[in-house]
Amino acid sequence: MQDATSASAVKYFFGRISRDEAEETLRAAGVREGLYLLRESIAKAGDYVLSICHHSGYVNWRVQNDVNELN
């Protein structure tokens, strides 16, 4: 089995930042439709959150870390 690329090795990964910090980072980058970043979940250790600019706002999707399946 091949190793997955480490999240910290990609330029869109911002580590353990809050939702507010993620939205401020996206705002500073220009709030363009589809602009996104990946961050570690503060609420659920081991999970990630995909924060996306959508319809002039933001959506945040939690990506659950489950070694047995993809969520």
PDB file of N, CA and C in Angstrom:
ATOM      1  N   MET A   1       0.838  -1.177   0.000  1.00  0.00           N
ATOM      2  CA  MET A   1       0.000   0.000   0.000  1.00  0.00           C
ATOM      3  C   MET A   1       0.881   1.237   0.000  1.00  0.00           C
ATOM      4  N   GLN A   2       0.518   2.252  -0.798  1.00  0.00           N
ATOM      5  CA  GLN A   2       1.295   3.487  -0.864  1.00  0.00           C
ATOM      6  C   GLN A   2       0.927   4.399   0.295  1.00  0.00           C
ATOM      7  N   ASP A   3       1.910   5.179   0.766  1.00  0.00           N
ATOM      8  CA  ASP A   3       1.641   6.151   1.816  1.00  0.00           C
ATOM      9  C   ASP A   3       0.909   7.343   1.225  1.00  0.00           C
ATOM     10  N   ALA A   4      -0.094   7.825   1.936  1.00  0.00           N
ATOM     11  CA  ALA A   4      -0.810   9.035   1.506  1.00  0.00           C
ATOM     12  C   ALA A   4       0.093  10.236   1.749  1.00  0.00           C
ATOM     13  N   THR A   5      -0.073  11.272   0.962  1.00  0.00           N
ATOM     14  CA  THR A   5       0.671  12.506   1.166  1.00  0.00           C
ATOM     15  C   THR A   5       0.284  13.093   2.512  1.00  0.00           C
ATOM     16  N   SER A   6       1.261  13.463   3.293  1.00  0.00           N
ATOM     17  CA  SER A   6       1.005  14.077   4.587  1.00  0.00           C
ATOM     18  C   SER A   6       0.297  15.412   4.388  1.00  0.00           C
ATOM     19  N   ALA A   7      -0.723  15.667   5.202  1.00  0.00           N
ATOM     20  CA  ALA A   7      -1.464  16.933   5.094  1.00  0.00           C
ATOM     21  C   ALA A   7      -0.521  18.127   5.236  1.00  0.00           C
ATOM     22  N   SER A   8       0.455  18.024   6.114  1.00  0.00           N
ATOM     23  CA  SER A   8       1.350  19.151   6.347  1.00  0.00           C
ATOM     24  C   SER A   8       2.274  19.431   5.164  1.00  0.00           C
ATOM     25  N   ALA A   9       2.290  18.542   4.175  1.00  0.00           N
ATOM     26  CA  ALA A   9       3.170  18.714   3.018  1.00  0.00           C
ATOM     27  C   ALA A   9       2.496  19.466   1.871  1.00  0.00           C
ATOM     28  N   VAL A  10       1.222  19.819   2.024  1.00  0.00           N
ATOM     29  CA  VAL A  10       0.521  20.515   0.943  1.00  0.00           C
ATOM     30  C   VAL A  10       0.280  21.972   1.311  1.00  0.00           C
ATOM     31  N   LYS A  11       0.320  22.844   0.317  1.00  0.00           N
ATOM     32  CA  LYS A  11       0.262  24.281   0.587  1.00  0.00           C
ATOM     33  C   LYS A  11      -1.092  24.775   1.072  1.00  0.00           C
ATOM     34  N   TYR A  12      -2.139  23.996   0.906  1.00  0.00           N
ATOM     35  CA  TYR A  12      -3.460  24.421   1.363  1.00  0.00           C
ATOM     36  C   TYR A  12      -3.772  23.952   2.787  1.00  0.00           C
ATOM     37  N   PHE A  13      -2.803  23.317   3.448  1.00  0.00           N
ATOM     38  CA  PHE A  13      -2.996  22.866   4.827  1.00  0.00           C
ATOM     39  C   PHE A  13      -2.504  23.936   5.793  1.00  0.00           C
ATOM     40  N   PHE A  14      -3.366  24.338   6.739  1.00  0.00           N
ATOM     41  CA  PHE A  14      -3.045  25.422   7.652  1.00  0.00           C
ATOM     42  C   PHE A  14      -2.939  24.984   9.109  1.00  0.00           C
ATOM     43  N   GLY A  15      -2.911  23.682   9.342  1.00  0.00           N
ATOM     44  CA  GLY A  15      -2.717  23.195  10.706  1.00  0.00           C
ATOM     45  C   GLY A  15      -3.926  23.395  11.595  1.00  0.00           C
ATOM     46  N   ARG A  16      -3.660  23.529  12.880  1.00  0.00           N
ATOM     47  CA  ARG A  16      -4.725  23.632  13.884  1.00  0.00           C
ATOM     48  C   ARG A  16      -5.118  25.096  14.076  1.00  0.00           C
ATOM     49  N   ILE A  17      -6.045  25.562  13.245  1.00  0.00           N
ATOM     50  CA  ILE A  17      -6.556  26.924  13.366  1.00  0.00           C
ATOM     51  C   ILE A  17      -8.069  26.850  13.558  1.00  0.00           C
ATOM     52  N   SER A  18      -8.644  27.891  14.125  1.00  0.00           N
ATOM     53  CA  SER A  18     -10.081  27.932  14.389  1.00  0.00           C
ATOM     54  C   SER A  18     -10.862  28.236  13.109  1.00  0.00           C
ATOM     55  N   ARG A  19     -12.167  28.078  13.188  1.00  0.00           N
ATOM     56  CA  ARG A  19     -13.042  28.445  12.070  1.00  0.00           C
ATOM     57  C   ARG A  19     -12.882  29.929  11.736  1.00  0.00           C
ATOM     58  N   ASP A  20     -12.851  30.768  12.765  1.00  0.00           N
ATOM     59  CA  ASP A  20     -12.681  32.206  12.530  1.00  0.00           C
ATOM     60  C   ASP A  20     -11.360  32.510  11.834  1.00  0.00           C
ATOM     61  N   GLU A  21     -10.287  31.844  12.262  1.00  0.00           N
ATOM     62  CA  GLU A  21      -8.983  32.053  11.619  1.00  0.00           C
ATOM     63  C   GLU A  21      -9.001  31.558  10.175  1.00  0.00           C
ATOM     64  N   ALA A  22      -9.687  30.446   9.929  1.00  0.00           N
ATOM     65  CA  ALA A  22      -9.796  29.925   8.562  1.00  0.00           C
ATOM     66  C   ALA A  22     -10.539  30.905   7.673  1.00  0.00           C
ATOM     67  N   GLU A  23     -11.653  31.433   8.170  1.00  0.00           N
ATOM     68  CA  GLU A  23     -12.436  32.379   7.383  1.00  0.00           C
ATOM     69  C   GLU A  23     -11.663  33.673   7.142  1.00  0.00           C
ATOM     70  N   GLU A  24     -10.898  34.120   8.126  1.00  0.00           N
ATOM     71  CA  GLU A  24     -10.076  35.320   7.940  1.00  0.00           C
ATOM     72  C   GLU A  24      -8.987  35.064   6.898  1.00  0.00           C
ATOM     73  N   THR A  25      -8.400  33.876   6.900  1.00  0.00           N
ATOM     74  CA  THR A  25      -7.381  33.521   5.910  1.00  0.00           C
ATOM     75  C   THR A  25      -7.978  33.520   4.505  1.00  0.00           C
ATOM     76  N   LEU A  26      -9.170  32.949   4.363  1.00  0.00           N
ATOM     77  CA  LEU A  26      -9.842  32.935   3.054  1.00  0.00           C
ATOM     78  C   LEU A  26     -10.225  34.352   2.632  1.00  0.00           C
ATOM     79  N   ARG A  27     -10.700  35.153   3.575  1.00  0.00           N
ATOM     80  CA  ARG A  27     -11.062  36.551   3.281  1.00  0.00           C
ATOM     81  C   ARG A  27      -9.842  37.317   2.786  1.00  0.00           C
ATOM     82  N   ALA A  28      -8.711  37.124   3.447  1.00  0.00           N
ATOM     83  CA  ALA A  28      -7.474  37.818   3.051  1.00  0.00           C
ATOM     84  C   ALA A  28      -7.006  37.386   1.662  1.00  0.00           C
ATOM     85  N   ALA A  29      -7.379  36.171   1.251  1.00  0.00           N
ATOM     86  CA  ALA A  29      -6.983  35.655  -0.065  1.00  0.00           C
ATOM     87  C   ALA A  29      -7.958  36.070  -1.171  1.00  0.00           C
ATOM     88  N   GLY A  30      -9.057  36.721  -0.803  1.00  0.00           N
ATOM     89  CA  GLY A  30      -9.935  37.271  -1.814  1.00  0.00           C
ATOM     90  C   GLY A  30     -11.334  36.691  -1.934  1.00  0.00           C
ATOM     91  N   VAL A  31     -11.744  35.774  -1.078  1.00  0.00           N
ATOM     92  CA  VAL A  31     -13.096  35.203  -1.072  1.00  0.00           C
ATOM     93  C   VAL A  31     -13.593  34.882  -2.484  1.00  0.00           C
ATOM     94  N   ARG A  32     -12.831  34.093  -3.207  1.00  0.00           N
ATOM     95  CA  ARG A  32     -13.237  33.661  -4.559  1.00  0.00           C
ATOM     96  C   ARG A  32     -13.969  32.330  -4.457  1.00  0.00           C
ATOM     97  N   GLU A  33     -15.020  32.179  -5.219  1.00  0.00           N
ATOM     98  CA  GLU A  33     -15.800  30.942  -5.236  1.00  0.00           C
ATOM     99  C   GLU A  33     -14.878  29.738  -5.429  1.00  0.00           C
ATOM    100  N   GLY A  34     -14.990  28.771  -4.539  1.00  0.00           N
ATOM    101  CA  GLY A  34     -14.191  27.553  -4.640  1.00  0.00           C
ATOM    102  C   GLY A  34     -12.850  27.609  -3.923  1.00  0.00           C
ATOM    103  N   LEU A  35     -12.434  28.776  -3.459  1.00  0.00           N
ATOM    104  CA  LEU A  35     -11.181  28.893  -2.701  1.00  0.00           C
ATOM    105  C   LEU A  35     -11.327  28.082  -1.414  1.00  0.00           C
ATOM    106  N   TYR A  36     -10.317  27.341  -1.037  1.00  0.00           N
ATOM    107  CA  TYR A  36     -10.440  26.465   0.128  1.00  0.00           C
ATOM    108  C   TYR A  36      -9.131  26.331   0.880  1.00  0.00           C
ATOM    109  N   LEU A  37      -9.254  25.812   2.083  1.00  0.00           N
ATOM    110  CA  LEU A  37      -8.090  25.413   2.860  1.00  0.00           C
ATOM    111  C   LEU A  37      -8.479  24.214   3.711  1.00  0.00           C
ATOM    112  N   LEU A  38      -7.487  23.471   4.112  1.00  0.00           N
ATOM    113  CA  LEU A  38      -7.673  22.314   4.974  1.00  0.00           C
ATOM    114  C   LEU A  38      -7.034  22.643   6.309  1.00  0.00           C
ATOM    115  N   ARG A  39      -7.734  22.285   7.385  1.00  0.00           N
ATOM    116  CA  ARG A  39      -7.205  22.551   8.726  1.00  0.00           C
ATOM    117  C   ARG A  39      -7.540  21.386   9.641  1.00  0.00           C
ATOM    118  N   GLU A  40      -6.835  21.295  10.748  1.00  0.00           N
ATOM    119  CA  GLU A  40      -7.156  20.287  11.758  1.00  0.00           C
ATOM    120  C   GLU A  40      -8.390  20.735  12.522  1.00  0.00           C
ATOM    121  N   SER A  41      -9.243  19.790  12.874  1.00  0.00           N
ATOM    122  CA  SER A  41     -10.423  20.102  13.669  1.00  0.00           C
ATOM    123  C   SER A  41     -10.000  20.391  15.103  1.00  0.00           C
ATOM    124  N   ILE A  42     -10.501  21.477  15.654  1.00  0.00           N
ATOM    125  CA  ILE A  42     -10.246  21.791  17.062  1.00  0.00           C
ATOM    126  C   ILE A  42     -11.223  21.011  17.943  1.00  0.00           C
ATOM    127  N   ALA A  43     -12.460  20.833  17.460  1.00  0.00           N
ATOM    128  CA  ALA A  43     -13.494  20.166  18.240  1.00  0.00           C
ATOM    129  C   ALA A  43     -13.301  18.654  18.326  1.00  0.00           C
ATOM    130  N   LYS A  44     -12.730  18.056  17.295  1.00  0.00           N
ATOM    131  CA  LYS A  44     -12.627  16.590  17.236  1.00  0.00           C
ATOM    132  C   LYS A  44     -11.204  16.220  16.844  1.00  0.00           C
ATOM    133  N   ALA A  45     -10.392  15.883  17.823  1.00  0.00           N
ATOM    134  CA  ALA A  45      -8.988  15.534  17.587  1.00  0.00           C
ATOM    135  C   ALA A  45      -8.868  14.402  16.574  1.00  0.00           C
ATOM    136  N   GLY A  46      -7.957  14.565  15.630  1.00  0.00           N
ATOM    137  CA  GLY A  46      -7.714  13.550  14.615  1.00  0.00           C
ATOM    138  C   GLY A  46      -8.495  13.769  13.328  1.00  0.00           C
ATOM    139  N   ASP A  47      -9.519  14.625  13.370  1.00  0.00           N
ATOM    140  CA  ASP A  47     -10.298  14.939  12.174  1.00  0.00           C
ATOM    141  C   ASP A  47      -9.765  16.214  11.536  1.00  0.00           C
ATOM    142  N   TYR A  48     -10.205  16.459  10.322  1.00  0.00           N
ATOM    143  CA  TYR A  48      -9.831  17.667   9.585  1.00  0.00           C
ATOM    144  C   TYR A  48     -11.093  18.413   9.194  1.00  0.00           C
ATOM    145  N   VAL A  49     -10.938  19.665   8.776  1.00  0.00           N
ATOM    146  CA  VAL A  49     -12.060  20.458   8.286  1.00  0.00           C
ATOM    147  C   VAL A  49     -11.641  21.104   6.976  1.00  0.00           C
ATOM    148  N   LEU A  50     -12.492  20.974   5.976  1.00  0.00           N
ATOM    149  CA  LEU A  50     -12.293  21.642   4.697  1.00  0.00           C
ATOM    150  C   LEU A  50     -13.145  22.897   4.728  1.00  0.00           C
ATOM    151  N   SER A  51     -12.512  24.068   4.719  1.00  0.00           N
ATOM    152  CA  SER A  51     -13.202  25.352   4.731  1.00  0.00           C
ATOM    153  C   SER A  51     -13.182  25.907   3.313  1.00  0.00           C
ATOM    154  N   ILE A  52     -14.384  26.233   2.797  1.00  0.00           N
ATOM    155  CA  ILE A  52     -14.534  26.592   1.384  1.00  0.00           C
ATOM    156  C   ILE A  52     -15.310  27.890   1.240  1.00  0.00           C
ATOM    157  N   CYS A  53     -14.888  28.755   0.311  1.00  0.00           N
ATOM    158  CA  CYS A  53     -15.671  29.937  -0.063  1.00  0.00           C
ATOM    159  C   CYS A  53     -16.782  29.480  -1.002  1.00  0.00           C
ATOM    160  N   HIS A  54     -18.030  29.862  -0.652  1.00  0.00           N
ATOM    161  CA  HIS A  54     -19.172  29.436  -1.450  1.00  0.00           C
ATOM    162  C   HIS A  54     -20.277  30.483  -1.360  1.00  0.00           C
ATOM    163  N   HIS A  55     -20.715  30.979  -2.513  1.00  0.00           N
ATOM    164  CA  HIS A  55     -21.787  31.994  -2.577  1.00  0.00           C
ATOM    165  C   HIS A  55     -21.498  33.184  -1.661  1.00  0.00           C
ATOM    166  N   SER A  56     -20.311  33.740  -1.758  1.00  0.00           N
ATOM    167  CA  SER A  56     -19.865  34.904  -0.983  1.00  0.00           C
ATOM    168  C   SER A  56     -19.841  34.659   0.524  1.00  0.00           C
ATOM    169  N   GLY A  57     -19.879  33.402   0.922  1.00  0.00           N
ATOM    170  CA  GLY A  57     -19.790  33.041   2.335  1.00  0.00           C
ATOM    171  C   GLY A  57     -18.817  31.891   2.500  1.00  0.00           C
ATOM    172  N   TYR A  58     -18.979  31.148   3.579  1.00  0.00           N
ATOM    173  CA  TYR A  58     -18.068  30.055   3.880  1.00  0.00           C
ATOM    174  C   TYR A  58     -18.856  28.818   4.299  1.00  0.00           C
ATOM    175  N   VAL A  59     -18.358  27.664   3.920  1.00  0.00           N
ATOM    176  CA  VAL A  59     -18.879  26.394   4.435  1.00  0.00           C
ATOM    177  C   VAL A  59     -17.696  25.628   5.004  1.00  0.00           C
ATOM    178  N   ASN A  60     -17.979  24.848   6.031  1.00  0.00           N
ATOM    179  CA  ASN A  60     -16.939  24.075   6.709  1.00  0.00           C
ATOM    180  C   ASN A  60     -17.401  22.630   6.802  1.00  0.00           C
ATOM    181  N   TRP A  61     -16.661  21.744   6.174  1.00  0.00           N
ATOM    182  CA  TRP A  61     -17.000  20.329   6.155  1.00  0.00           C
ATOM    183  C   TRP A  61     -15.970  19.553   6.955  1.00  0.00           C
ATOM    184  N   ARG A  62     -16.450  18.824   7.966  1.00  0.00           N
ATOM    185  CA  ARG A  62     -15.539  18.002   8.764  1.00  0.00           C
ATOM    186  C   ARG A  62     -15.254  16.703   8.022  1.00  0.00           C
ATOM    187  N   VAL A  63     -13.993  16.334   7.981  1.00  0.00           N
ATOM    188  CA  VAL A  63     -13.552  15.081   7.378  1.00  0.00           C
ATOM    189  C   VAL A  63     -13.137  14.183   8.535  1.00  0.00           C
ATOM    190  N   GLN A  64     -13.935  13.158   8.768  1.00  0.00           N
ATOM    191  CA  GLN A  64     -13.689  12.281   9.904  1.00  0.00           C
ATOM    192  C   GLN A  64     -12.569  11.298   9.592  1.00  0.00           C
ATOM    193  N   ASN A  65     -11.699  11.119  10.554  1.00  0.00           N
ATOM    194  CA  ASN A  65     -10.585  10.194  10.432  1.00  0.00           C
ATOM    195  C   ASN A  65     -11.021   8.844  10.986  1.00  0.00           C
ATOM    196  N   ASP A  66     -11.197   7.882  10.098  1.00  0.00           N
ATOM    197  CA  ASP A  66     -11.584   6.525  10.493  1.00  0.00           C
ATOM    198  C   ASP A  66     -10.700   5.566   9.728  1.00  0.00           C
ATOM    199  N   VAL A  67      -9.881   4.832  10.431  1.00  0.00           N
ATOM    200  CA  VAL A  67      -8.909   3.953   9.758  1.00  0.00           C
ATOM    201  C   VAL A  67      -9.573   2.829   8.976  1.00  0.00           C
ATOM    202  N   ASN A  68     -10.829   2.531   9.247  1.00  0.00           N
ATOM    203  CA  ASN A  68     -11.502   1.421   8.583  1.00  0.00           C
ATOM    204  C   ASN A  68     -12.335   1.821   7.363  1.00  0.00           C
ATOM    205  N   GLU A  69     -12.631   3.114   7.220  1.00  0.00           N
ATOM    206  CA  GLU A  69     -13.437   3.543   6.084  1.00  0.00           C
ATOM    207  C   GLU A  69     -13.261   5.037   5.843  1.00  0.00           C
ATOM    208  N   LEU A  70     -13.697   5.478   4.669  1.00  0.00           N
ATOM    209  CA  LEU A  70     -13.670   6.894   4.338  1.00  0.00           C
ATOM    210  C   LEU A  70     -15.009   7.501   4.715  1.00  0.00           C
ATOM    211  N   ASN A  71     -14.981   8.708   5.290  1.00  0.00           N
ATOM    212  CA  ASN A  71     -16.218   9.413   5.657  1.00  0.00           C
ATOM    213  C   ASN A  71     -16.269  10.736   4.957  1.00  0.00           C
TER     214      ASN A  71
END
